[in-house]
Amino acid sequence: MTARIAVVEDQPEIRQLIRMTLEFGEFDLIEAENADIGWLQMQQQKPDLVLLDVMMPGTMDGLELCRRLRSQPDTASVPVILLTARGQQRDIEAGREAGADTYLTKPFSPMELLDRIGALLGGTFPR
């Protein structure tokens, strides 16, 4: 079964790293360069998991998008991994309060990303 993963990240090189990390798994990627576009895309194609940057241009940041996902019945249970350069304890707590399942600080290990996705989707993926 193919898992649909939404990647909401404003930096093209980070999106490319994620794409390359996930290319050998059974994943269908939805990519968005900001939370506004990501929100619209997720309304049309419900993801199985969301990789979400915190700081992005646009009318909302990643924390706000995470709160929106949690507030909607069809996306409330979709796992969310926050990817961010902000690694202070208060940032991690803000992510938890917004409803994120886990938090990865940039730069992140592609192997750790695969492990976190596997844990949240209940599978293991090729490395």
PDB file of N, CA and C in Angstrom:
ATOM      1  N   MET A   1       0.840  -1.193   0.000  1.00  0.00           N
ATOM      2  CA  MET A   1       0.000   0.000   0.000  1.00  0.00           C
ATOM      3  C   MET A   1       0.882   1.253   0.000  1.00  0.00           C
ATOM      4  N   THR A   2       0.509   2.208  -0.808  1.00  0.00           N
ATOM      5  CA  THR A   2       1.263   3.457  -0.905  1.00  0.00           C
ATOM      6  C   THR A   2       0.740   4.458   0.115  1.00  0.00           C
ATOM      7  N   ALA A   3       1.656   5.057   0.875  1.00  0.00           N
ATOM      8  CA  ALA A   3       1.277   6.089   1.835  1.00  0.00           C
ATOM      9  C   ALA A   3       1.440   7.453   1.184  1.00  0.00           C
ATOM     10  N   ARG A   4       0.450   8.308   1.365  1.00  0.00           N
ATOM     11  CA  ARG A   4       0.508   9.674   0.839  1.00  0.00           C
ATOM     12  C   ARG A   4       1.092  10.572   1.926  1.00  0.00           C
ATOM     13  N   ILE A   5       2.216  11.218   1.610  1.00  0.00           N
ATOM     14  CA  ILE A   5       2.887  12.099   2.567  1.00  0.00           C
ATOM     15  C   ILE A   5       2.885  13.522   2.022  1.00  0.00           C
ATOM     16  N   ALA A   6       2.365  14.444   2.825  1.00  0.00           N
ATOM     17  CA  ALA A   6       2.399  15.866   2.466  1.00  0.00           C
ATOM     18  C   ALA A   6       3.672  16.465   3.046  1.00  0.00           C
ATOM     19  N   VAL A   7       4.457  17.111   2.186  1.00  0.00           N
ATOM     20  CA  VAL A   7       5.696  17.775   2.590  1.00  0.00           C
ATOM     21  C   VAL A   7       5.463  19.272   2.435  1.00  0.00           C
ATOM     22  N   VAL A   8       5.367  19.977   3.565  1.00  0.00           N
ATOM     23  CA  VAL A   8       5.114  21.419   3.542  1.00  0.00           C
ATOM     24  C   VAL A   8       6.378  22.093   4.057  1.00  0.00           C
ATOM     25  N   GLU A   9       7.159  22.616   3.128  1.00  0.00           N
ATOM     26  CA  GLU A   9       8.506  23.142   3.429  1.00  0.00           C
ATOM     27  C   GLU A   9       8.832  24.215   2.408  1.00  0.00           C
ATOM     28  N   ASP A  10       9.268  25.405   2.870  1.00  0.00           N
ATOM     29  CA  ASP A  10       9.534  26.502   1.942  1.00  0.00           C
ATOM     30  C   ASP A  10      10.902  26.414   1.270  1.00  0.00           C
ATOM     31  N   GLN A  11      11.831  25.626   1.795  1.00  0.00           N
ATOM     32  CA  GLN A  11      13.163  25.539   1.194  1.00  0.00           C
ATOM     33  C   GLN A  11      13.219  24.384   0.183  1.00  0.00           C
ATOM     34  N   PRO A  12      13.417  24.711  -1.108  1.00  0.00           N
ATOM     35  CA  PRO A  12      13.434  23.674  -2.149  1.00  0.00           C
ATOM     36  C   PRO A  12      14.471  22.579  -1.888  1.00  0.00           C
ATOM     37  N   GLU A  13      15.645  22.959  -1.330  1.00  0.00           N
ATOM     38  CA  GLU A  13      16.681  21.938  -1.110  1.00  0.00           C
ATOM     39  C   GLU A  13      16.279  20.952  -0.004  1.00  0.00           C
ATOM     40  N   ILE A  14      15.511  21.391   0.964  1.00  0.00           N
ATOM     41  CA  ILE A  14      15.023  20.480   2.007  1.00  0.00           C
ATOM     42  C   ILE A  14      13.956  19.559   1.413  1.00  0.00           C
ATOM     43  N   ARG A  15      13.062  20.117   0.585  1.00  0.00           N
ATOM     44  CA  ARG A  15      12.059  19.271  -0.084  1.00  0.00           C
ATOM     45  C   ARG A  15      12.746  18.218  -0.946  1.00  0.00           C
ATOM     46  N   GLN A  16      13.824  18.616  -1.631  1.00  0.00           N
ATOM     47  CA  GLN A  16      14.561  17.665  -2.463  1.00  0.00           C
ATOM     48  C   GLN A  16      15.202  16.571  -1.603  1.00  0.00           C
ATOM     49  N   LEU A  17      15.798  16.939  -0.482  1.00  0.00           N
ATOM     50  CA  LEU A  17      16.391  15.947   0.422  1.00  0.00           C
ATOM     51  C   LEU A  17      15.329  14.954   0.895  1.00  0.00           C
ATOM     52  N   ILE A  18      14.162  15.459   1.255  1.00  0.00           N
ATOM     53  CA  ILE A  18      13.079  14.580   1.702  1.00  0.00           C
ATOM     54  C   ILE A  18      12.640  13.669   0.557  1.00  0.00           C
ATOM     55  N   ARG A  19      12.480  14.232  -0.633  1.00  0.00           N
ATOM     56  CA  ARG A  19      12.091  13.444  -1.814  1.00  0.00           C
ATOM     57  C   ARG A  19      13.092  12.325  -2.059  1.00  0.00           C
ATOM     58  N   MET A  20      14.388  12.659  -2.001  1.00  0.00           N
ATOM     59  CA  MET A  20      15.439  11.654  -2.235  1.00  0.00           C
ATOM     60  C   MET A  20      15.437  10.598  -1.125  1.00  0.00           C
ATOM     61  N   THR A  21      15.179  11.007   0.113  1.00  0.00           N
ATOM     62  CA  THR A  21      15.137  10.073   1.239  1.00  0.00           C
ATOM     63  C   THR A  21      13.992   9.081   1.082  1.00  0.00           C
ATOM     64  N   LEU A  22      12.880   9.548   0.558  1.00  0.00           N
ATOM     65  CA  LEU A  22      11.673   8.716   0.492  1.00  0.00           C
ATOM     66  C   LEU A  22      11.463   8.024  -0.854  1.00  0.00           C
ATOM     67  N   GLU A  23      12.358   8.246  -1.817  1.00  0.00           N
ATOM     68  CA  GLU A  23      12.103   7.746  -3.171  1.00  0.00           C
ATOM     69  C   GLU A  23      12.070   6.223  -3.284  1.00  0.00           C
ATOM     70  N   PHE A  24      12.661   5.510  -2.341  1.00  0.00           N
ATOM     71  CA  PHE A  24      12.674   4.053  -2.443  1.00  0.00           C
ATOM     72  C   PHE A  24      11.525   3.399  -1.680  1.00  0.00           C
ATOM     73  N   GLY A  25      10.766   4.185  -0.968  1.00  0.00           N
ATOM     74  CA  GLY A  25       9.613   3.660  -0.235  1.00  0.00           C
ATOM     75  C   GLY A  25       8.362   3.743  -1.080  1.00  0.00           C
ATOM     76  N   GLU A  26       7.297   3.199  -0.553  1.00  0.00           N
ATOM     77  CA  GLU A  26       6.001   3.242  -1.233  1.00  0.00           C
ATOM     78  C   GLU A  26       5.278   4.514  -0.806  1.00  0.00           C
ATOM     79  N   PHE A  27       5.723   5.637  -1.343  1.00  0.00           N
ATOM     80  CA  PHE A  27       5.164   6.924  -0.940  1.00  0.00           C
ATOM     81  C   PHE A  27       4.713   7.723  -2.144  1.00  0.00           C
ATOM     82  N   ASP A  28       3.595   8.392  -1.980  1.00  0.00           N
ATOM     83  CA  ASP A  28       3.089   9.351  -2.944  1.00  0.00           C
ATOM     84  C   ASP A  28       3.253  10.707  -2.254  1.00  0.00           C
ATOM     85  N   LEU A  29       4.122  11.565  -2.778  1.00  0.00           N
ATOM     86  CA  LEU A  29       4.409  12.840  -2.122  1.00  0.00           C
ATOM     87  C   LEU A  29       3.551  13.969  -2.684  1.00  0.00           C
ATOM     88  N   ILE A  30       3.042  14.783  -1.773  1.00  0.00           N
ATOM     89  CA  ILE A  30       2.375  16.029  -2.106  1.00  0.00           C
ATOM     90  C   ILE A  30       3.306  17.107  -1.565  1.00  0.00           C
ATOM     91  N   GLU A  31       3.758  18.016  -2.410  1.00  0.00           N
ATOM     92  CA  GLU A  31       4.696  19.040  -1.948  1.00  0.00           C
ATOM     93  C   GLU A  31       4.073  20.426  -2.019  1.00  0.00           C
ATOM     94  N   ALA A  32       4.360  21.216  -0.980  1.00  0.00           N
ATOM     95  CA  ALA A  32       3.884  22.595  -0.946  1.00  0.00           C
ATOM     96  C   ALA A  32       4.979  23.472  -0.367  1.00  0.00           C
ATOM     97  N   GLU A  33       5.111  24.692  -0.904  1.00  0.00           N
ATOM     98  CA  GLU A  33       6.175  25.580  -0.425  1.00  0.00           C
ATOM     99  C   GLU A  33       5.734  26.485   0.708  1.00  0.00           C
ATOM    100  N   ASN A  34       4.461  26.425   1.091  1.00  0.00           N
ATOM    101  CA  ASN A  34       4.030  27.158   2.285  1.00  0.00           C
ATOM    102  C   ASN A  34       2.771  26.513   2.851  1.00  0.00           C
ATOM    103  N   ALA A  35       2.400  26.935   4.056  1.00  0.00           N
ATOM    104  CA  ALA A  35       1.279  26.313   4.760  1.00  0.00           C
ATOM    105  C   ALA A  35      -0.055  26.576   4.065  1.00  0.00           C
ATOM    106  N   ASP A  36      -0.209  27.738   3.435  1.00  0.00           N
ATOM    107  CA  ASP A  36      -1.463  28.054   2.748  1.00  0.00           C
ATOM    108  C   ASP A  36      -1.712  27.072   1.604  1.00  0.00           C
ATOM    109  N   ILE A  37      -0.692  26.844   0.786  1.00  0.00           N
ATOM    110  CA  ILE A  37      -0.810  25.902  -0.330  1.00  0.00           C
ATOM    111  C   ILE A  37      -0.989  24.481   0.212  1.00  0.00           C
ATOM    112  N   GLY A  38      -0.212  24.136   1.236  1.00  0.00           N
ATOM    113  CA  GLY A  38      -0.330  22.811   1.840  1.00  0.00           C
ATOM    114  C   GLY A  38      -1.732  22.539   2.348  1.00  0.00           C
ATOM    115  N   TRP A  39      -2.333  23.521   3.010  1.00  0.00           N
ATOM    116  CA  TRP A  39      -3.694  23.381   3.541  1.00  0.00           C
ATOM    117  C   TRP A  39      -4.674  23.106   2.402  1.00  0.00           C
ATOM    118  N   LEU A  40      -4.577  23.881   1.309  1.00  0.00           N
ATOM    119  CA  LEU A  40      -5.469  23.678   0.164  1.00  0.00           C
ATOM    120  C   LEU A  40      -5.285  22.287  -0.439  1.00  0.00           C
ATOM    121  N   GLN A  41      -4.037  21.856  -0.586  1.00  0.00           N
ATOM    122  CA  GLN A  41      -3.768  20.538  -1.163  1.00  0.00           C
ATOM    123  C   GLN A  41      -4.324  19.424  -0.278  1.00  0.00           C
ATOM    124  N   MET A  42      -4.180  19.586   1.045  1.00  0.00           N
ATOM    125  CA  MET A  42      -4.657  18.545   1.959  1.00  0.00           C
ATOM    126  C   MET A  42      -6.177  18.492   2.032  1.00  0.00           C
ATOM    127  N   GLN A  43      -6.849  19.585   1.634  1.00  0.00           N
ATOM    128  CA  GLN A  43      -8.305  19.556   1.548  1.00  0.00           C
ATOM    129  C   GLN A  43      -8.739  18.654   0.388  1.00  0.00           C
ATOM    130  N   GLN A  44      -7.918  18.637  -0.672  1.00  0.00           N
ATOM    131  CA  GLN A  44      -8.250  17.865  -1.866  1.00  0.00           C
ATOM    132  C   GLN A  44      -7.761  16.425  -1.795  1.00  0.00           C
ATOM    133  N   GLN A  45      -6.593  16.213  -1.185  1.00  0.00           N
ATOM    134  CA  GLN A  45      -6.001  14.872  -1.077  1.00  0.00           C
ATOM    135  C   GLN A  45      -5.562  14.662   0.362  1.00  0.00           C
ATOM    136  N   LYS A  46      -6.337  13.897   1.117  1.00  0.00           N
ATOM    137  CA  LYS A  46      -5.991  13.683   2.523  1.00  0.00           C
ATOM    138  C   LYS A  46      -4.696  12.879   2.618  1.00  0.00           C
ATOM    139  N   PRO A  47      -3.710  13.411   3.335  1.00  0.00           N
ATOM    140  CA  PRO A  47      -2.446  12.674   3.485  1.00  0.00           C
ATOM    141  C   PRO A  47      -2.547  11.612   4.588  1.00  0.00           C
ATOM    142  N   ASP A  48      -1.627  10.656   4.542  1.00  0.00           N
ATOM    143  CA  ASP A  48      -1.500   9.656   5.610  1.00  0.00           C
ATOM    144  C   ASP A  48      -0.538  10.156   6.679  1.00  0.00           C
ATOM    145  N   LEU A  49       0.302  11.138   6.314  1.00  0.00           N
ATOM    146  CA  LEU A  49       1.279  11.712   7.236  1.00  0.00           C
ATOM    147  C   LEU A  49       1.685  13.073   6.689  1.00  0.00           C
ATOM    148  N   VAL A  50       2.028  14.011   7.590  1.00  0.00           N
ATOM    149  CA  VAL A  50       2.450  15.347   7.177  1.00  0.00           C
ATOM    150  C   VAL A  50       3.834  15.639   7.746  1.00  0.00           C
ATOM    151  N   LEU A  51       4.758  16.069   6.874  1.00  0.00           N
ATOM    152  CA  LEU A  51       6.067  16.598   7.276  1.00  0.00           C
ATOM    153  C   LEU A  51       5.940  18.105   7.142  1.00  0.00           C
ATOM    154  N   LEU A  52       6.128  18.810   8.247  1.00  0.00           N
ATOM    155  CA  LEU A  52       5.740  20.203   8.285  1.00  0.00           C
ATOM    156  C   LEU A  52       6.837  21.085   8.878  1.00  0.00           C
ATOM    157  N   ASP A  53       7.287  22.054   8.077  1.00  0.00           N
ATOM    158  CA  ASP A  53       8.217  23.068   8.570  1.00  0.00           C
ATOM    159  C   ASP A  53       7.427  24.013   9.473  1.00  0.00           C
ATOM    160  N   VAL A  54       8.105  24.652  10.413  1.00  0.00           N
ATOM    161  CA  VAL A  54       7.420  25.573  11.316  1.00  0.00           C
ATOM    162  C   VAL A  54       7.433  26.993  10.758  1.00  0.00           C
ATOM    163  N   MET A  55       8.606  27.498  10.394  1.00  0.00           N
ATOM    164  CA  MET A  55       8.719  28.888   9.933  1.00  0.00           C
ATOM    165  C   MET A  55       8.650  28.940   8.406  1.00  0.00           C
ATOM    166  N   MET A  56       7.567  29.554   7.893  1.00  0.00           N
ATOM    167  CA  MET A  56       7.366  29.667   6.453  1.00  0.00           C
ATOM    168  C   MET A  56       6.691  30.990   6.129  1.00  0.00           C
ATOM    169  N   PRO A  57       6.889  31.467   4.901  1.00  0.00           N
ATOM    170  CA  PRO A  57       6.169  32.675   4.477  1.00  0.00           C
ATOM    171  C   PRO A  57       4.693  32.340   4.260  1.00  0.00           C
ATOM    172  N   GLY A  58       3.865  33.366   4.223  1.00  0.00           N
ATOM    173  CA  GLY A  58       2.435  33.157   3.980  1.00  0.00           C
ATOM    174  C   GLY A  58       1.618  33.643   5.158  1.00  0.00           C
ATOM    175  N   THR A  59       0.324  33.350   5.119  1.00  0.00           N
ATOM    176  CA  THR A  59      -0.558  33.855   6.165  1.00  0.00           C
ATOM    177  C   THR A  59      -0.550  33.003   7.428  1.00  0.00           C
ATOM    178  N   MET A  60       0.007  31.786   7.352  1.00  0.00           N
ATOM    179  CA  MET A  60       0.100  30.965   8.558  1.00  0.00           C
ATOM    180  C   MET A  60       1.420  30.221   8.575  1.00  0.00           C
ATOM    181  N   ASP A  61       1.879  29.906   9.786  1.00  0.00           N
ATOM    182  CA  ASP A  61       3.101  29.121   9.915  1.00  0.00           C
ATOM    183  C   ASP A  61       2.728  27.639  10.115  1.00  0.00           C
ATOM    184  N   GLY A  62       3.731  26.815  10.313  1.00  0.00           N
ATOM    185  CA  GLY A  62       3.488  25.392  10.469  1.00  0.00           C
ATOM    186  C   GLY A  62       2.690  25.031  11.707  1.00  0.00           C
ATOM    187  N   LEU A  63       2.876  25.776  12.786  1.00  0.00           N
ATOM    188  CA  LEU A  63       2.115  25.501  14.010  1.00  0.00           C
ATOM    189  C   LEU A  63       0.627  25.757  13.785  1.00  0.00           C
ATOM    190  N   GLU A  64       0.321  26.842  13.083  1.00  0.00           N
ATOM    191  CA  GLU A  64      -1.084  27.145  12.788  1.00  0.00           C
ATOM    192  C   GLU A  64      -1.687  26.076  11.877  1.00  0.00           C
ATOM    193  N   LEU A  65      -0.931  25.628  10.878  1.00  0.00           N
ATOM    194  CA  LEU A  65      -1.427  24.570  10.002  1.00  0.00           C
ATOM    195  C   LEU A  65      -1.656  23.298  10.804  1.00  0.00           C
ATOM    196  N   CYS A  66      -0.759  22.965  11.704  1.00  0.00           N
ATOM    197  CA  CYS A  66      -0.926  21.786  12.548  1.00  0.00           C
ATOM    198  C   CYS A  66      -2.216  21.902  13.376  1.00  0.00           C
ATOM    199  N   ARG A  67      -2.460  23.066  13.950  1.00  0.00           N
ATOM    200  CA  ARG A  67      -3.703  23.283  14.730  1.00  0.00           C
ATOM    201  C   ARG A  67      -4.943  23.110  13.835  1.00  0.00           C
ATOM    202  N   ARG A  68      -4.862  23.628  12.612  1.00  0.00           N
ATOM    203  CA  ARG A  68      -5.994  23.470  11.674  1.00  0.00           C
ATOM    204  C   ARG A  68      -6.245  22.005  11.350  1.00  0.00           C
ATOM    205  N   LEU A  69      -5.152  21.279  11.096  1.00  0.00           N
ATOM    206  CA  LEU A  69      -5.308  19.852  10.796  1.00  0.00           C
ATOM    207  C   LEU A  69      -5.983  19.131  11.958  1.00  0.00           C
ATOM    208  N   ARG A  70      -5.573  19.453  13.182  1.00  0.00           N
ATOM    209  CA  ARG A  70      -6.137  18.812  14.371  1.00  0.00           C
ATOM    210  C   ARG A  70      -7.597  19.189  14.599  1.00  0.00           C
ATOM    211  N   SER A  71      -8.014  20.353  14.088  1.00  0.00           N
ATOM    212  CA  SER A  71      -9.378  20.826  14.328  1.00  0.00           C
ATOM    213  C   SER A  71     -10.404  20.257  13.338  1.00  0.00           C
ATOM    214  N   GLN A  72      -9.929  19.614  12.284  1.00  0.00           N
ATOM    215  CA  GLN A  72     -10.831  19.080  11.252  1.00  0.00           C
ATOM    216  C   GLN A  72     -11.020  17.578  11.430  1.00  0.00           C
ATOM    217  N   PRO A  73     -12.254  17.105  11.385  1.00  0.00           N
ATOM    218  CA  PRO A  73     -12.497  15.665  11.602  1.00  0.00           C
ATOM    219  C   PRO A  73     -11.722  14.745  10.655  1.00  0.00           C
ATOM    220  N   ASP A  74     -11.601  15.114   9.359  1.00  0.00           N
ATOM    221  CA  ASP A  74     -10.911  14.189   8.438  1.00  0.00           C
ATOM    222  C   ASP A  74      -9.397  14.218   8.557  1.00  0.00           C
ATOM    223  N   THR A  75      -8.816  15.206   9.206  1.00  0.00           N
ATOM    224  CA  THR A  75      -7.349  15.239   9.337  1.00  0.00           C
ATOM    225  C   THR A  75      -6.878  15.214  10.792  1.00  0.00           C
ATOM    226  N   ALA A  76      -7.796  15.166  11.731  1.00  0.00           N
ATOM    227  CA  ALA A  76      -7.437  15.244  13.156  1.00  0.00           C
ATOM    228  C   ALA A  76      -6.479  14.137  13.590  1.00  0.00           C
ATOM    229  N   SER A  77      -6.572  12.966  12.966  1.00  0.00           N
ATOM    230  CA  SER A  77      -5.730  11.841  13.396  1.00  0.00           C
ATOM    231  C   SER A  77      -4.515  11.607  12.490  1.00  0.00           C
ATOM    232  N   VAL A  78      -4.308  12.470  11.494  1.00  0.00           N
ATOM    233  CA  VAL A  78      -3.162  12.314  10.593  1.00  0.00           C
ATOM    234  C   VAL A  78      -1.880  12.658  11.364  1.00  0.00           C
ATOM    235  N   PRO A  79      -0.894  11.742  11.379  1.00  0.00           N
ATOM    236  CA  PRO A  79       0.356  12.039  12.092  1.00  0.00           C
ATOM    237  C   PRO A  79       1.090  13.230  11.478  1.00  0.00           C
ATOM    238  N   VAL A  80       1.673  14.061  12.359  1.00  0.00           N
ATOM    239  CA  VAL A  80       2.411  15.255  11.922  1.00  0.00           C
ATOM    240  C   VAL A  80       3.810  15.214  12.526  1.00  0.00           C
ATOM    241  N   ILE A  81       4.813  15.337  11.653  1.00  0.00           N
ATOM    242  CA  ILE A  81       6.206  15.474  12.083  1.00  0.00           C
ATOM    243  C   ILE A  81       6.624  16.907  11.777  1.00  0.00           C
ATOM    244  N   LEU A  82       6.993  17.655  12.797  1.00  0.00           N
ATOM    245  CA  LEU A  82       7.505  19.002  12.579  1.00  0.00           C
ATOM    246  C   LEU A  82       8.990  18.937  12.268  1.00  0.00           C
ATOM    247  N   LEU A  83       9.404  19.636  11.224  1.00  0.00           N
ATOM    248  CA  LEU A  83      10.814  19.756  10.829  1.00  0.00           C
ATOM    249  C   LEU A  83      11.170  21.226  10.967  1.00  0.00           C
ATOM    250  N   THR A  84      12.113  21.527  11.845  1.00  0.00           N
ATOM    251  CA  THR A  84      12.407  22.937  12.049  1.00  0.00           C
ATOM    252  C   THR A  84      13.819  23.170  12.546  1.00  0.00           C
ATOM    253  N   ALA A  85      14.312  24.359  12.293  1.00  0.00           N
ATOM    254  CA  ALA A  85      15.626  24.752  12.803  1.00  0.00           C
ATOM    255  C   ALA A  85      15.527  25.190  14.263  1.00  0.00           C
ATOM    256  N   ARG A  86      14.323  25.389  14.758  1.00  0.00           N
ATOM    257  CA  ARG A  86      14.120  25.856  16.130  1.00  0.00           C
ATOM    258  C   ARG A  86      14.048  24.662  17.077  1.00  0.00           C
ATOM    259  N   GLY A  87      15.101  24.467  17.859  1.00  0.00           N
ATOM    260  CA  GLY A  87      15.185  23.293  18.713  1.00  0.00           C
ATOM    261  C   GLY A  87      15.148  23.560  20.199  1.00  0.00           C
ATOM    262  N   GLN A  88      14.780  24.764  20.599  1.00  0.00           N
ATOM    263  CA  GLN A  88      14.689  25.080  22.023  1.00  0.00           C
ATOM    264  C   GLN A  88      13.525  24.304  22.643  1.00  0.00           C
ATOM    265  N   GLN A  89      13.608  24.053  23.938  1.00  0.00           N
ATOM    266  CA  GLN A  89      12.545  23.315  24.629  1.00  0.00           C
ATOM    267  C   GLN A  89      11.181  23.989  24.444  1.00  0.00           C
ATOM    268  N   ARG A  90      11.144  25.314  24.483  1.00  0.00           N
ATOM    269  CA  ARG A  90       9.860  26.014  24.330  1.00  0.00           C
ATOM    270  C   ARG A  90       9.283  25.813  22.923  1.00  0.00           C
ATOM    271  N   ASP A  91      10.169  25.657  21.921  1.00  0.00           N
ATOM    272  CA  ASP A  91       9.703  25.406  20.554  1.00  0.00           C
ATOM    273  C   ASP A  91       9.093  24.009  20.453  1.00  0.00           C
ATOM    274  N   ILE A  92       9.742  23.041  21.087  1.00  0.00           N
ATOM    275  CA  ILE A  92       9.240  21.661  21.087  1.00  0.00           C
ATOM    276  C   ILE A  92       7.889  21.610  21.795  1.00  0.00           C
ATOM    277  N   GLU A  93       7.775  22.303  22.907  1.00  0.00           N
ATOM    278  CA  GLU A  93       6.505  22.347  23.643  1.00  0.00           C
ATOM    279  C   GLU A  93       5.413  23.018  22.809  1.00  0.00           C
ATOM    280  N   ALA A  94       5.761  24.081  22.079  1.00  0.00           N
ATOM    281  CA  ALA A  94       4.779  24.747  21.211  1.00  0.00           C
ATOM    282  C   ALA A  94       4.300  23.790  20.125  1.00  0.00           C
ATOM    283  N   GLY A  95       5.211  22.974  19.606  1.00  0.00           N
ATOM    284  CA  GLY A  95       4.829  21.970  18.613  1.00  0.00           C
ATOM    285  C   GLY A  95       3.885  20.931  19.184  1.00  0.00           C
ATOM    286  N   ARG A  96       4.175  20.463  20.384  1.00  0.00           N
ATOM    287  CA  ARG A  96       3.291  19.495  21.050  1.00  0.00           C
ATOM    288  C   ARG A  96       1.912  20.106  21.296  1.00  0.00           C
ATOM    289  N   GLU A  97       1.905  21.343  21.781  1.00  0.00           N
ATOM    290  CA  GLU A  97       0.632  22.022  22.053  1.00  0.00           C
ATOM    291  C   GLU A  97      -0.188  22.202  20.778  1.00  0.00           C
ATOM    292  N   ALA A  98       0.479  22.387  19.652  1.00  0.00           N
ATOM    293  CA  ALA A  98      -0.222  22.534  18.371  1.00  0.00           C
ATOM    294  C   ALA A  98      -0.762  21.199  17.870  1.00  0.00           C
ATOM    295  N   GLY A  99      -0.269  20.090  18.452  1.00  0.00           N
ATOM    296  CA  GLY A  99      -0.776  18.778  18.084  1.00  0.00           C
ATOM    297  C   GLY A  99       0.183  17.896  17.306  1.00  0.00           C
ATOM    298  N   ALA A 100       1.447  18.305  17.177  1.00  0.00           N
ATOM    299  CA  ALA A 100       2.416  17.486  16.433  1.00  0.00           C
ATOM    300  C   ALA A 100       2.700  16.181  17.176  1.00  0.00           C
ATOM    301  N   ASP A 101       2.949  15.132  16.411  1.00  0.00           N
ATOM    302  CA  ASP A 101       3.261  13.829  17.000  1.00  0.00           C
ATOM    303  C   ASP A 101       4.726  13.719  17.387  1.00  0.00           C
ATOM    304  N   THR A 102       5.595  14.331  16.581  1.00  0.00           N
ATOM    305  CA  THR A 102       7.024  14.292  16.868  1.00  0.00           C
ATOM    306  C   THR A 102       7.693  15.499  16.228  1.00  0.00           C
ATOM    307  N   TYR A 103       8.958  15.694  16.558  1.00  0.00           N
ATOM    308  CA  TYR A 103       9.661  16.926  16.229  1.00  0.00           C
ATOM    309  C   TYR A 103      11.074  16.553  15.806  1.00  0.00           C
ATOM    310  N   LEU A 104      11.500  16.977  14.637  1.00  0.00           N
ATOM    311  CA  LEU A 104      12.877  16.759  14.174  1.00  0.00           C
ATOM    312  C   LEU A 104      13.529  18.116  13.939  1.00  0.00           C
ATOM    313  N   THR A 105      14.714  18.299  14.496  1.00  0.00           N
ATOM    314  CA  THR A 105      15.437  19.554  14.342  1.00  0.00           C
ATOM    315  C   THR A 105      16.358  19.484  13.125  1.00  0.00           C
ATOM    316  N   LYS A 106      16.330  20.531  12.307  1.00  0.00           N
ATOM    317  CA  LYS A 106      17.232  20.630  11.148  1.00  0.00           C
ATOM    318  C   LYS A 106      18.621  21.025  11.639  1.00  0.00           C
ATOM    319  N   PRO A 107      19.677  20.515  11.038  1.00  0.00           N
ATOM    320  CA  PRO A 107      19.644  19.474  10.019  1.00  0.00           C
ATOM    321  C   PRO A 107      19.293  18.135  10.657  1.00  0.00           C
ATOM    322  N   PHE A 108      18.468  17.360   9.949  1.00  0.00           N
ATOM    323  CA  PHE A 108      18.028  16.074  10.480  1.00  0.00           C
ATOM    324  C   PHE A 108      18.672  14.944   9.690  1.00  0.00           C
ATOM    325  N   SER A 109      18.735  13.793  10.324  1.00  0.00           N
ATOM    326  CA  SER A 109      19.276  12.602   9.683  1.00  0.00           C
ATOM    327  C   SER A 109      18.185  11.961   8.824  1.00  0.00           C
ATOM    328  N   PRO A 110      18.456  11.683   7.541  1.00  0.00           N
ATOM    329  CA  PRO A 110      17.463  10.984   6.720  1.00  0.00           C
ATOM    330  C   PRO A 110      17.037   9.643   7.335  1.00  0.00           C
ATOM    331  N   MET A 111      17.974   8.942   7.979  1.00  0.00           N
ATOM    332  CA  MET A 111      17.633   7.669   8.618  1.00  0.00           C
ATOM    333  C   MET A 111      16.662   7.882   9.776  1.00  0.00           C
ATOM    334  N   GLU A 112      16.895   8.942  10.541  1.00  0.00           N
ATOM    335  CA  GLU A 112      15.980   9.235  11.644  1.00  0.00           C
ATOM    336  C   GLU A 112      14.602   9.613  11.105  1.00  0.00           C
ATOM    337  N   LEU A 113      14.561  10.348  10.003  1.00  0.00           N
ATOM    338  CA  LEU A 113      13.287  10.689   9.386  1.00  0.00           C
ATOM    339  C   LEU A 113      12.538   9.419   8.986  1.00  0.00           C
ATOM    340  N   LEU A 114      13.240   8.490   8.334  1.00  0.00           N
ATOM    341  CA  LEU A 114      12.613   7.216   7.950  1.00  0.00           C
ATOM    342  C   LEU A 114      12.116   6.452   9.172  1.00  0.00           C
ATOM    343  N   ASP A 115      12.905   6.440  10.233  1.00  0.00           N
ATOM    344  CA  ASP A 115      12.498   5.747  11.456  1.00  0.00           C
ATOM    345  C   ASP A 115      11.228   6.366  12.038  1.00  0.00           C
ATOM    346  N   ARG A 116      11.173   7.689  12.074  1.00  0.00           N
ATOM    347  CA  ARG A 116       9.993   8.366  12.638  1.00  0.00           C
ATOM    348  C   ARG A 116       8.753   8.098  11.781  1.00  0.00           C
ATOM    349  N   ILE A 117       8.926   8.153  10.450  1.00  0.00           N
ATOM    350  CA  ILE A 117       7.798   7.871   9.559  1.00  0.00           C
ATOM    351  C   ILE A 117       7.339   6.433   9.772  1.00  0.00           C
ATOM    352  N   GLY A 118       8.295   5.510   9.837  1.00  0.00           N
ATOM    353  CA  GLY A 118       7.955   4.109  10.058  1.00  0.00           C
ATOM    354  C   GLY A 118       7.203   3.895  11.359  1.00  0.00           C
ATOM    355  N   ALA A 119       7.645   4.559  12.416  1.00  0.00           N
ATOM    356  CA  ALA A 119       6.984   4.418  13.715  1.00  0.00           C
ATOM    357  C   ALA A 119       5.552   4.954  13.662  1.00  0.00           C
ATOM    358  N   LEU A 120       5.359   6.060  12.976  1.00  0.00           N
ATOM    359  CA  LEU A 120       4.017   6.669  12.927  1.00  0.00           C
ATOM    360  C   LEU A 120       3.070   5.969  11.968  1.00  0.00           C
ATOM    361  N   LEU A 121       3.617   5.382  10.907  1.00  0.00           N
ATOM    362  CA  LEU A 121       2.772   4.680   9.935  1.00  0.00           C
ATOM    363  C   LEU A 121       2.721   3.182  10.188  1.00  0.00           C
ATOM    364  N   GLY A 122       3.488   2.727  11.174  1.00  0.00           N
ATOM    365  CA  GLY A 122       3.432   1.312  11.529  1.00  0.00           C
ATOM    366  C   GLY A 122       4.137   0.398  10.541  1.00  0.00           C
ATOM    367  N   GLY A 123       5.267   0.824  10.034  1.00  0.00           N
ATOM    368  CA  GLY A 123       6.007  -0.018   9.106  1.00  0.00           C
ATOM    369  C   GLY A 123       7.488   0.320   9.131  1.00  0.00           C
ATOM    370  N   THR A 124       8.250  -0.472   8.429  1.00  0.00           N
ATOM    371  CA  THR A 124       9.658  -0.161   8.258  1.00  0.00           C
ATOM    372  C   THR A 124       9.885   0.025   6.777  1.00  0.00           C
ATOM    373  N   PHE A 125      10.855   0.830   6.431  1.00  0.00           N
ATOM    374  CA  PHE A 125      11.065   1.176   5.042  1.00  0.00           C
ATOM    375  C   PHE A 125      12.507   0.896   4.652  1.00  0.00           C
ATOM    376  N   PRO A 126      12.731   0.649   3.361  1.00  0.00           N
ATOM    377  CA  PRO A 126      14.100   0.369   2.919  1.00  0.00           C
ATOM    378  C   PRO A 126      15.009   1.542   3.174  1.00  0.00           C
ATOM    379  N   ARG A 127      16.273   1.232   3.443  1.00  0.00           N
ATOM    380  CA  ARG A 127      17.269   2.270   3.677  1.00  0.00           C
ATOM    381  C   ARG A 127      18.281   2.251   2.553  1.00  0.00           C
TER     382      ARG A 127
END
